[in-house]
Amino acid sequence: MRIEIEEVLDAARGQVRFRSGGESVVGCWAGPGEIPVGRELEAEVEVSEERIISVRPAFVVPQSSVAQGGGEVVVVGRAERIGDDGIIEFRVGQDLILLEPVGPLTNVVEGASLALRVPELRIYPRDL
């Protein structure tokens, strides 16, 4: 996912505000070294399945698939494929997030468009 880190909110916790598409979202930087504020980079985004607050049907998948919804992050995408091992390939824009089918994800069916609400996303750089 292409992101730009806009500011550091809490350096000790790695909490940052980043932009993905048109939306500004709060996340947790999990990369090495100094946080690259103001720099655009490719990042992998991790959703902690155990911390998912809700899984709801999404009738329209917007172009900007990651948004801030109050104190939570809303990730909208499609359960593109469910593997033989049960792992859900969740497509968010051009990116895939792999999810284990735990908690509210146990009832997800292949092809479903969903909105996941999570407290935060973890961000790992791909190109540093």
N, C-alpha and C. Protein backbone atom coordinates (compact mmCIF):
# COMPACT_ATOMS: atom_id res chain seq x y z
N MET A 1 0.85 -1.16 0.00
CA MET A 1 0.00 0.00 0.00
C MET A 1 0.90 1.23 0.00
N ARG A 2 0.59 2.20 -0.83
CA ARG A 2 1.37 3.43 -0.90
C ARG A 2 0.83 4.39 0.16
N ILE A 3 1.72 4.86 1.05
CA ILE A 3 1.31 5.77 2.11
C ILE A 3 2.30 6.92 2.23
N GLU A 4 1.89 7.97 2.93
CA GLU A 4 2.79 9.04 3.32
C GLU A 4 2.55 9.32 4.80
N ILE A 5 3.61 9.27 5.58
CA ILE A 5 3.48 9.56 7.01
C ILE A 5 3.48 11.07 7.18
N GLU A 6 2.41 11.57 7.78
CA GLU A 6 2.23 13.01 7.92
C GLU A 6 2.84 13.55 9.20
N GLU A 7 2.67 12.80 10.31
CA GLU A 7 3.22 13.29 11.58
C GLU A 7 3.31 12.15 12.59
N VAL A 8 4.18 12.35 13.58
CA VAL A 8 4.31 11.41 14.68
C VAL A 8 3.42 11.93 15.81
N LEU A 9 2.50 11.09 16.28
CA LEU A 9 1.60 11.48 17.36
C LEU A 9 2.15 11.09 18.72
N ASP A 10 2.81 9.93 18.80
CA ASP A 10 3.39 9.44 20.05
C ASP A 10 4.61 8.61 19.69
N ALA A 11 5.79 9.21 19.80
CA ALA A 11 7.03 8.54 19.38
C ALA A 11 7.30 7.27 20.19
N ALA A 12 7.01 7.27 21.48
CA ALA A 12 7.27 6.10 22.33
C ALA A 12 6.47 4.89 21.88
N ARG A 13 5.24 5.10 21.45
CA ARG A 13 4.38 4.00 20.99
C ARG A 13 4.45 3.79 19.47
N GLY A 14 5.13 4.68 18.75
CA GLY A 14 5.21 4.59 17.30
C GLY A 14 3.92 5.01 16.62
N GLN A 15 3.08 5.74 17.32
CA GLN A 15 1.79 6.14 16.76
C GLN A 15 2.00 7.31 15.79
N VAL A 16 1.47 7.12 14.56
CA VAL A 16 1.64 8.12 13.51
C VAL A 16 0.30 8.38 12.83
N ARG A 17 0.25 9.50 12.14
CA ARG A 17 -0.88 9.79 11.25
C ARG A 17 -0.31 9.66 9.84
N PHE A 18 -0.99 8.84 9.02
CA PHE A 18 -0.51 8.66 7.66
C PHE A 18 -1.66 8.82 6.68
N ARG A 19 -1.30 9.07 5.44
CA ARG A 19 -2.29 9.26 4.39
C ARG A 19 -2.19 8.10 3.41
N SER A 20 -3.35 7.53 3.13
CA SER A 20 -3.46 6.46 2.14
C SER A 20 -4.58 6.86 1.20
N GLY A 21 -4.23 7.20 -0.03
CA GLY A 21 -5.25 7.75 -0.93
C GLY A 21 -5.61 9.13 -0.43
N GLY A 22 -6.89 9.39 -0.27
CA GLY A 22 -7.34 10.70 0.17
C GLY A 22 -7.55 10.80 1.66
N GLU A 23 -7.43 9.70 2.38
CA GLU A 23 -7.77 9.69 3.81
C GLU A 23 -6.54 9.78 4.70
N SER A 24 -6.69 10.45 5.82
CA SER A 24 -5.67 10.54 6.85
C SER A 24 -6.08 9.59 7.97
N VAL A 25 -5.17 8.68 8.36
CA VAL A 25 -5.49 7.60 9.28
C VAL A 25 -4.41 7.50 10.36
N VAL A 26 -4.80 7.07 11.56
CA VAL A 26 -3.84 6.84 12.64
C VAL A 26 -3.42 5.38 12.60
N GLY A 27 -2.12 5.15 12.75
CA GLY A 27 -1.59 3.79 12.76
C GLY A 27 -0.38 3.69 13.67
N CYS A 28 0.21 2.51 13.70
CA CYS A 28 1.38 2.26 14.55
C CYS A 28 2.56 1.86 13.66
N TRP A 29 3.61 2.66 13.65
CA TRP A 29 4.80 2.39 12.86
C TRP A 29 5.57 1.23 13.48
N ALA A 30 5.83 0.20 12.68
CA ALA A 30 6.54 -0.98 13.17
C ALA A 30 7.84 -1.19 12.40
N GLY A 31 8.31 -0.15 11.75
CA GLY A 31 9.53 -0.26 10.96
C GLY A 31 10.78 0.06 11.78
N PRO A 32 11.94 -0.19 11.20
CA PRO A 32 13.20 0.08 11.89
C PRO A 32 13.57 1.56 11.84
N GLY A 33 14.34 2.00 12.80
CA GLY A 33 14.91 3.33 12.78
C GLY A 33 13.91 4.45 12.92
N GLU A 34 14.34 5.61 12.43
CA GLU A 34 13.54 6.83 12.53
C GLU A 34 12.31 6.75 11.62
N ILE A 35 11.22 7.30 12.10
CA ILE A 35 9.98 7.32 11.32
C ILE A 35 10.12 8.33 10.19
N PRO A 36 9.91 7.90 8.93
CA PRO A 36 10.13 8.78 7.78
C PRO A 36 8.98 9.77 7.53
N VAL A 37 8.87 10.77 8.36
CA VAL A 37 7.79 11.77 8.25
C VAL A 37 7.95 12.55 6.94
N GLY A 38 6.82 12.75 6.25
CA GLY A 38 6.82 13.52 5.02
C GLY A 38 7.28 12.76 3.79
N ARG A 39 7.56 11.49 3.96
CA ARG A 39 8.06 10.68 2.85
C ARG A 39 7.01 9.69 2.39
N GLU A 40 6.85 9.55 1.09
CA GLU A 40 5.93 8.56 0.54
C GLU A 40 6.69 7.24 0.41
N LEU A 41 6.04 6.14 0.78
CA LEU A 41 6.69 4.83 0.70
C LEU A 41 5.67 3.72 0.54
N GLU A 42 6.16 2.57 0.10
CA GLU A 42 5.34 1.36 0.03
C GLU A 42 5.37 0.71 1.41
N ALA A 43 4.21 0.34 1.91
CA ALA A 43 4.14 -0.26 3.23
C ALA A 43 3.21 -1.47 3.22
N GLU A 44 3.49 -2.39 4.10
CA GLU A 44 2.57 -3.50 4.34
C GLU A 44 1.76 -3.12 5.57
N VAL A 45 0.49 -3.38 5.52
CA VAL A 45 -0.40 -3.03 6.61
C VAL A 45 -0.88 -4.33 7.26
N GLU A 46 -0.82 -4.36 8.57
CA GLU A 46 -1.25 -5.55 9.31
C GLU A 46 -2.47 -5.21 10.15
N VAL A 47 -3.46 -6.08 10.04
CA VAL A 47 -4.66 -5.98 10.86
C VAL A 47 -4.59 -7.10 11.88
N SER A 48 -4.69 -6.77 13.16
CA SER A 48 -4.69 -7.78 14.20
C SER A 48 -6.09 -8.38 14.31
N GLU A 49 -6.23 -9.64 13.87
CA GLU A 49 -7.55 -10.27 13.84
C GLU A 49 -8.20 -10.31 15.22
N GLU A 50 -7.40 -10.48 16.26
CA GLU A 50 -7.93 -10.56 17.62
C GLU A 50 -8.52 -9.23 18.09
N ARG A 51 -8.12 -8.14 17.44
CA ARG A 51 -8.57 -6.82 17.88
C ARG A 51 -9.65 -6.23 16.97
N ILE A 52 -10.15 -7.02 16.02
CA ILE A 52 -11.21 -6.50 15.15
C ILE A 52 -12.46 -6.23 15.99
N ILE A 53 -12.98 -5.03 15.88
CA ILE A 53 -14.14 -4.61 16.65
C ILE A 53 -15.43 -5.09 15.99
N SER A 54 -15.50 -4.98 14.66
CA SER A 54 -16.69 -5.45 13.95
C SER A 54 -16.36 -5.78 12.51
N VAL A 55 -17.17 -6.66 11.95
CA VAL A 55 -17.11 -7.02 10.53
C VAL A 55 -18.53 -6.84 10.01
N ARG A 56 -18.68 -5.93 9.05
CA ARG A 56 -20.01 -5.63 8.52
C ARG A 56 -19.98 -5.72 7.00
N PRO A 57 -21.12 -6.01 6.39
CA PRO A 57 -21.18 -5.99 4.92
C PRO A 57 -20.91 -4.57 4.41
N ALA A 58 -20.22 -4.48 3.29
CA ALA A 58 -19.98 -3.19 2.63
C ALA A 58 -20.63 -3.27 1.26
N PHE A 59 -21.58 -2.42 1.01
CA PHE A 59 -22.31 -2.48 -0.24
C PHE A 59 -21.60 -1.75 -1.36
N VAL A 60 -20.74 -0.80 -0.99
CA VAL A 60 -19.94 -0.07 -1.96
C VAL A 60 -18.51 -0.07 -1.44
N VAL A 61 -17.58 -0.50 -2.29
CA VAL A 61 -16.17 -0.45 -1.90
C VAL A 61 -15.59 0.83 -2.49
N PRO A 62 -15.25 1.81 -1.62
CA PRO A 62 -14.76 3.09 -2.11
C PRO A 62 -13.36 2.98 -2.69
N GLN A 63 -12.94 4.01 -3.43
CA GLN A 63 -11.58 4.02 -3.97
C GLN A 63 -10.57 4.10 -2.84
N SER A 64 -10.83 4.94 -1.85
CA SER A 64 -9.95 5.01 -0.69
C SER A 64 -10.49 4.01 0.31
N SER A 65 -9.77 2.91 0.51
CA SER A 65 -10.29 1.78 1.26
C SER A 65 -9.92 1.77 2.73
N VAL A 66 -9.13 2.74 3.17
CA VAL A 66 -8.76 2.84 4.57
C VAL A 66 -9.14 4.23 5.04
N ALA A 67 -9.94 4.32 6.11
CA ALA A 67 -10.42 5.62 6.58
C ALA A 67 -10.47 5.63 8.09
N GLN A 68 -10.46 6.83 8.65
CA GLN A 68 -10.60 7.00 10.09
C GLN A 68 -12.08 7.15 10.38
N GLY A 69 -12.59 6.35 11.30
CA GLY A 69 -13.99 6.43 11.71
C GLY A 69 -14.06 6.70 13.19
N GLY A 70 -13.97 7.96 13.59
CA GLY A 70 -13.89 8.29 15.01
C GLY A 70 -12.55 7.83 15.56
N GLY A 71 -12.56 7.06 16.64
CA GLY A 71 -11.33 6.55 17.23
C GLY A 71 -10.88 5.23 16.63
N GLU A 72 -11.53 4.80 15.56
CA GLU A 72 -11.22 3.51 14.94
C GLU A 72 -10.82 3.70 13.48
N VAL A 73 -10.19 2.66 12.92
CA VAL A 73 -9.84 2.66 11.51
C VAL A 73 -10.81 1.71 10.81
N VAL A 74 -11.34 2.13 9.69
CA VAL A 74 -12.25 1.30 8.91
C VAL A 74 -11.52 0.88 7.64
N VAL A 75 -11.41 -0.44 7.45
CA VAL A 75 -10.75 -1.00 6.27
C VAL A 75 -11.83 -1.69 5.45
N VAL A 76 -12.04 -1.20 4.22
CA VAL A 76 -13.08 -1.75 3.37
C VAL A 76 -12.44 -2.51 2.22
N GLY A 77 -12.90 -3.72 2.00
CA GLY A 77 -12.35 -4.53 0.93
C GLY A 77 -13.23 -5.72 0.63
N ARG A 78 -12.62 -6.70 -0.03
CA ARG A 78 -13.37 -7.87 -0.48
C ARG A 78 -12.62 -9.13 -0.10
N ALA A 79 -13.33 -10.10 0.45
CA ALA A 79 -12.74 -11.41 0.75
C ALA A 79 -12.59 -12.13 -0.58
N GLU A 80 -11.46 -11.90 -1.20
CA GLU A 80 -11.25 -12.37 -2.57
C GLU A 80 -11.16 -13.89 -2.67
N ARG A 81 -10.48 -14.48 -1.70
CA ARG A 81 -10.29 -15.93 -1.74
C ARG A 81 -10.10 -16.44 -0.33
N ILE A 82 -10.61 -17.63 -0.07
CA ILE A 82 -10.36 -18.30 1.21
C ILE A 82 -9.63 -19.59 0.88
N GLY A 83 -8.40 -19.71 1.37
CA GLY A 83 -7.55 -20.85 1.07
C GLY A 83 -7.99 -22.11 1.79
N ASP A 84 -7.40 -23.23 1.38
CA ASP A 84 -7.68 -24.51 2.02
C ASP A 84 -7.35 -24.49 3.52
N ASP A 85 -6.38 -23.64 3.89
CA ASP A 85 -6.00 -23.50 5.29
C ASP A 85 -6.90 -22.53 6.04
N GLY A 86 -7.91 -21.95 5.34
CA GLY A 86 -8.85 -21.03 5.97
C GLY A 86 -8.42 -19.58 5.91
N ILE A 87 -7.18 -19.30 5.49
CA ILE A 87 -6.69 -17.93 5.45
C ILE A 87 -7.49 -17.13 4.41
N ILE A 88 -7.92 -15.95 4.82
CA ILE A 88 -8.72 -15.07 3.96
C ILE A 88 -7.78 -14.09 3.26
N GLU A 89 -7.84 -14.05 1.94
CA GLU A 89 -7.12 -13.05 1.16
C GLU A 89 -8.07 -11.87 1.00
N PHE A 90 -7.84 -10.83 1.76
CA PHE A 90 -8.72 -9.67 1.82
C PHE A 90 -8.14 -8.57 0.94
N ARG A 91 -8.79 -8.26 -0.17
CA ARG A 91 -8.29 -7.26 -1.10
C ARG A 91 -8.75 -5.87 -0.67
N VAL A 92 -7.76 -4.99 -0.48
CA VAL A 92 -8.00 -3.59 -0.12
C VAL A 92 -7.34 -2.76 -1.22
N GLY A 93 -8.14 -2.26 -2.13
CA GLY A 93 -7.57 -1.55 -3.28
C GLY A 93 -6.74 -2.52 -4.11
N GLN A 94 -5.47 -2.18 -4.33
CA GLN A 94 -4.58 -3.05 -5.09
C GLN A 94 -3.81 -4.01 -4.19
N ASP A 95 -4.02 -3.93 -2.89
CA ASP A 95 -3.24 -4.71 -1.93
C ASP A 95 -4.03 -5.87 -1.35
N LEU A 96 -3.30 -6.87 -0.88
CA LEU A 96 -3.91 -8.01 -0.19
C LEU A 96 -3.46 -8.01 1.26
N ILE A 97 -4.41 -8.25 2.15
CA ILE A 97 -4.10 -8.45 3.57
C ILE A 97 -4.54 -9.87 3.88
N LEU A 98 -3.65 -10.67 4.47
CA LEU A 98 -4.00 -12.04 4.83
C LEU A 98 -4.55 -12.04 6.24
N LEU A 99 -5.72 -12.67 6.42
CA LEU A 99 -6.40 -12.69 7.71
C LEU A 99 -6.70 -14.12 8.12
N GLU A 100 -6.43 -14.42 9.40
CA GLU A 100 -6.84 -15.71 9.94
C GLU A 100 -8.31 -15.63 10.31
N PRO A 101 -9.05 -16.70 10.07
CA PRO A 101 -10.50 -16.68 10.37
C PRO A 101 -10.77 -16.91 11.86
N VAL A 102 -10.57 -15.86 12.67
CA VAL A 102 -10.84 -15.93 14.11
C VAL A 102 -11.91 -14.91 14.47
N GLY A 103 -12.54 -15.12 15.61
CA GLY A 103 -13.56 -14.18 16.09
C GLY A 103 -14.61 -13.89 15.04
N PRO A 104 -14.85 -12.60 14.77
CA PRO A 104 -15.92 -12.24 13.82
C PRO A 104 -15.60 -12.61 12.37
N LEU A 105 -14.38 -13.05 12.10
CA LEU A 105 -14.02 -13.43 10.73
C LEU A 105 -14.39 -14.87 10.40
N THR A 106 -14.85 -15.64 11.39
CA THR A 106 -15.14 -17.05 11.15
C THR A 106 -16.31 -17.27 10.19
N ASN A 107 -17.18 -16.29 10.04
CA ASN A 107 -18.35 -16.44 9.16
C ASN A 107 -18.19 -15.76 7.81
N VAL A 108 -16.98 -15.28 7.50
CA VAL A 108 -16.76 -14.59 6.24
C VAL A 108 -16.80 -15.60 5.09
N VAL A 109 -17.48 -15.22 4.02
CA VAL A 109 -17.56 -16.08 2.84
C VAL A 109 -16.79 -15.44 1.69
N GLU A 110 -16.29 -16.28 0.82
CA GLU A 110 -15.53 -15.82 -0.34
C GLU A 110 -16.40 -14.90 -1.19
N GLY A 111 -15.82 -13.79 -1.63
CA GLY A 111 -16.53 -12.84 -2.48
C GLY A 111 -17.25 -11.74 -1.73
N ALA A 112 -17.33 -11.84 -0.41
CA ALA A 112 -18.06 -10.83 0.37
C ALA A 112 -17.28 -9.52 0.45
N SER A 113 -17.98 -8.41 0.28
CA SER A 113 -17.40 -7.09 0.50
C SER A 113 -17.66 -6.72 1.96
N LEU A 114 -16.60 -6.31 2.65
CA LEU A 114 -16.68 -6.11 4.10
C LEU A 114 -16.03 -4.81 4.54
N ALA A 115 -16.52 -4.30 5.67
CA ALA A 115 -15.89 -3.18 6.36
C ALA A 115 -15.42 -3.71 7.71
N LEU A 116 -14.10 -3.70 7.93
CA LEU A 116 -13.53 -4.13 9.21
C LEU A 116 -13.23 -2.89 10.04
N ARG A 117 -13.64 -2.88 11.29
CA ARG A 117 -13.32 -1.78 12.21
C ARG A 117 -12.28 -2.29 13.19
N VAL A 118 -11.14 -1.57 13.26
CA VAL A 118 -10.04 -1.96 14.13
C VAL A 118 -9.54 -0.73 14.88
N PRO A 119 -8.91 -0.93 16.06
CA PRO A 119 -8.40 0.23 16.80
C PRO A 119 -7.27 0.94 16.06
N GLU A 120 -6.40 0.16 15.38
CA GLU A 120 -5.30 0.76 14.64
C GLU A 120 -4.71 -0.27 13.68
N LEU A 121 -3.92 0.23 12.75
CA LEU A 121 -3.19 -0.61 11.81
C LEU A 121 -1.72 -0.56 12.16
N ARG A 122 -1.01 -1.65 11.94
CA ARG A 122 0.45 -1.67 12.09
C ARG A 122 1.03 -1.52 10.70
N ILE A 123 2.05 -0.68 10.57
CA ILE A 123 2.63 -0.34 9.28
C ILE A 123 4.08 -0.82 9.24
N TYR A 124 4.41 -1.61 8.24
CA TYR A 124 5.76 -2.11 8.03
C TYR A 124 6.26 -1.60 6.68
N PRO A 125 7.40 -0.93 6.63
CA PRO A 125 7.90 -0.42 5.35
C PRO A 125 8.40 -1.54 4.44
N ARG A 126 8.17 -1.40 3.15
CA ARG A 126 8.68 -2.36 2.18
C ARG A 126 9.91 -1.84 1.46
N ASP A 127 10.09 -0.54 1.42
CA ASP A 127 11.16 -0.01 0.57
C ASP A 127 12.20 0.85 1.30
N LEU A 128 12.43 0.60 2.58
CA LEU A 128 13.48 1.37 3.28
C LEU A 128 14.78 0.63 3.23
